[in-house]
Amino acid sequence: MNYKIPESVLVVIHTADLQVLLIERADRPGFWQSVTGSLETPQEALPTTAARELFEETGIVADDAEFGLRDWGLVNVYEIYPLWRHRYAPGVTHNTEHVFSVQVARDVKVTLSPREHLQSVWRPYREAADQCFSSSNAEAILQLPSHLA
């Protein structure tokens, strides 16, 4: 079995007026989140991972976004939810997450990967944070205004 690498990216997709795109997980209906994904190889560059996951999960191309990907230089280490630990090598319990954001036009076309997500919604950033199931995702969304200043 190919285990997931316990290093990932979180990409907060937003508009200039702080509307945030959330996507609902197909494997856990009711679990809303921003784009997330693990490195494919230990050598994969974080911006490459972020751009790849952004495209795979939403169809959005980072180069077409209004300001491209922004690396926040923020790293979260958190315990992997027990229901997803089977995806990682035995004994792996924590993940290191690197936070990015990307500003897009409100009318950007969103094409979800049906294998991964059921639907998407735009929410004002505070509402989006409240809707996220992941605390690190919610905290990143709440920090969005300070990363745009």
Protein backbone atom coordinates (compact mmCIF):
# COMPACT_ATOMS: atom_id res chain seq x y z
CA MET A 1 0.00 0.00 0.00
CA ASN A 2 1.16 3.52 -0.77
CA TYR A 3 0.83 5.52 2.41
CA LYS A 4 0.12 9.23 2.46
CA ILE A 5 2.98 11.50 3.39
CA PRO A 6 2.15 13.28 6.66
CA GLU A 7 2.91 16.69 5.21
CA SER A 8 0.19 18.66 3.47
CA VAL A 9 -1.06 22.00 2.25
CA LEU A 10 -4.19 23.95 3.09
CA VAL A 11 -5.32 26.45 0.44
CA VAL A 12 -7.90 29.06 1.46
CA ILE A 13 -9.70 30.29 -1.66
CA HIS A 14 -11.20 33.76 -1.29
CA THR A 15 -12.40 36.88 -3.09
CA ALA A 16 -11.25 40.45 -2.51
CA ASP A 17 -14.26 41.04 -0.24
CA LEU A 18 -13.39 38.00 1.93
CA GLN A 19 -15.90 35.51 0.61
CA VAL A 20 -14.40 32.05 1.15
CA LEU A 21 -15.03 28.96 -0.94
CA LEU A 22 -15.78 25.82 1.06
CA ILE A 23 -16.11 22.32 -0.36
CA GLU A 24 -17.96 19.37 1.16
CA ARG A 25 -16.10 16.08 1.44
CA ALA A 26 -17.60 13.18 -0.53
CA ASP A 27 -16.33 10.62 2.00
CA ARG A 28 -17.84 12.57 4.94
CA PRO A 29 -20.97 14.53 3.96
CA GLY A 30 -21.38 17.53 6.23
CA PHE A 31 -17.60 18.01 6.59
CA TRP A 32 -16.75 21.34 4.94
CA GLN A 33 -13.23 22.52 4.27
CA SER A 34 -10.85 24.48 2.09
CA VAL A 35 -8.61 22.70 -0.40
CA THR A 36 -6.22 20.29 1.30
CA GLY A 37 -3.80 17.66 0.12
CA SER A 38 -0.61 15.79 0.87
CA LEU A 39 2.68 15.93 -0.94
CA GLU A 40 2.92 13.22 -3.61
CA THR A 41 6.63 12.71 -2.91
CA PRO A 42 8.88 14.01 -0.14
CA GLN A 43 10.68 16.12 -2.77
CA GLU A 44 7.55 17.85 -4.12
CA ALA A 45 7.75 21.61 -3.53
CA LEU A 46 4.98 23.01 -1.34
CA PRO A 47 3.79 25.59 -3.92
CA THR A 48 3.62 22.78 -6.49
CA THR A 49 1.49 20.71 -4.11
CA ALA A 50 -0.78 23.69 -3.42
CA ALA A 51 -1.26 24.47 -7.12
CA ARG A 52 -1.86 20.79 -7.96
CA GLU A 53 -4.41 20.30 -5.20
CA LEU A 54 -6.16 23.58 -6.05
CA PHE A 55 -6.61 22.41 -9.64
CA GLU A 56 -7.50 18.79 -8.80
CA GLU A 57 -10.16 19.74 -6.27
CA THR A 58 -11.68 22.88 -7.85
CA GLY A 59 -10.44 23.20 -11.42
CA ILE A 60 -8.92 26.58 -10.52
CA VAL A 61 -5.50 27.23 -12.05
CA ALA A 62 -3.28 29.18 -9.67
CA ASP A 63 -1.69 31.16 -12.51
CA ASP A 64 -5.13 32.38 -13.58
CA ALA A 65 -6.04 33.64 -10.10
CA GLU A 66 -5.95 37.37 -9.43
CA PHE A 67 -2.77 37.23 -7.34
CA GLY A 68 -1.58 33.63 -7.58
CA LEU A 69 -0.80 31.47 -4.58
CA ARG A 70 0.34 33.19 -1.41
CA ASP A 71 2.46 31.17 1.02
CA TRP A 72 1.66 32.39 4.53
CA GLY A 73 4.75 30.83 6.06
CA LEU A 74 2.36 29.35 8.62
CA VAL A 75 2.83 25.73 9.68
CA ASN A 76 0.36 23.75 11.78
CA VAL A 77 1.10 20.39 13.32
CA TYR A 78 -1.98 18.48 14.35
CA GLU A 79 -3.10 15.01 15.29
CA ILE A 80 -4.55 13.10 12.34
CA TYR A 81 -8.20 12.24 12.92
CA PRO A 82 -8.39 8.53 13.85
CA LEU A 83 -10.83 7.82 11.01
CA TRP A 84 -8.13 8.80 8.46
CA ARG A 85 -5.02 7.29 10.12
CA HIS A 86 -5.26 4.11 8.06
CA ARG A 87 -4.08 6.18 5.08
CA TYR A 88 -0.71 6.75 6.78
CA ALA A 89 2.10 4.38 7.70
CA PRO A 90 1.64 2.50 10.97
CA GLY A 91 2.53 4.69 13.94
CA VAL A 92 2.03 8.01 12.13
CA THR A 93 -0.31 10.13 14.23
CA HIS A 94 0.52 13.75 13.29
CA ASN A 95 0.53 15.81 10.11
CA THR A 96 2.41 19.00 9.25
CA GLU A 97 0.22 21.43 7.31
CA HIS A 98 1.45 24.48 5.34
CA VAL A 99 -1.06 27.28 4.77
CA PHE A 100 -1.57 29.07 1.46
CA SER A 101 -4.28 31.31 0.08
CA VAL A 102 -5.37 32.36 -3.37
CA GLN A 103 -7.57 35.29 -4.32
CA VAL A 104 -9.96 34.70 -7.20
CA ALA A 105 -12.77 36.57 -8.93
CA ARG A 106 -16.20 35.87 -7.40
CA ASP A 107 -17.41 34.43 -10.70
CA VAL A 108 -14.51 31.98 -11.04
CA LYS A 109 -15.65 28.65 -12.44
CA VAL A 110 -15.42 25.91 -9.81
CA THR A 111 -15.29 22.34 -11.09
CA LEU A 112 -15.24 19.86 -8.23
CA SER A 113 -13.68 16.43 -8.32
CA PRO A 114 -16.77 14.24 -7.73
CA ARG A 115 -14.53 11.56 -6.22
CA GLU A 116 -13.51 14.01 -3.49
CA HIS A 117 -16.27 16.60 -3.05
CA LEU A 118 -20.06 16.85 -3.25
CA GLN A 119 -20.67 20.59 -3.49
CA SER A 120 -19.19 24.03 -2.90
CA VAL A 121 -20.46 27.20 -1.28
CA TRP A 122 -19.23 30.76 -0.88
CA ARG A 123 -19.48 32.20 2.63
CA PRO A 124 -18.34 35.41 4.34
CA TYR A 125 -15.07 34.49 6.03
CA ARG A 126 -16.41 34.34 9.60
CA GLU A 127 -19.30 32.10 8.53
CA ALA A 128 -16.89 29.94 6.55
CA ALA A 129 -14.68 29.51 9.62
CA ASP A 130 -17.72 28.46 11.66
CA GLN A 131 -18.69 25.89 9.02
CA CYS A 132 -15.27 24.16 8.82
CA PHE A 133 -14.88 20.88 10.66
CA SER A 134 -11.11 21.35 11.01
CA SER A 135 -9.90 23.76 13.67
CA SER A 136 -6.69 24.59 11.78
CA ASN A 137 -8.74 25.37 8.67
CA ALA A 138 -11.13 27.57 10.67
CA GLU A 139 -8.23 29.42 12.30
CA ALA A 140 -6.57 30.04 8.92
CA ILE A 141 -9.81 31.50 7.56
CA LEU A 142 -10.12 33.80 10.58
CA GLN A 143 -6.55 35.00 9.95
CA LEU A 144 -7.32 35.82 6.31
CA PRO A 145 -7.79 39.61 6.79
CA SER A 146 -4.38 39.99 8.45
CA HIS A 147 -2.67 38.15 5.57
CA LEU A 148 -4.16 40.52 3.02
CA ALA A 149 -3.15 43.73 4.76
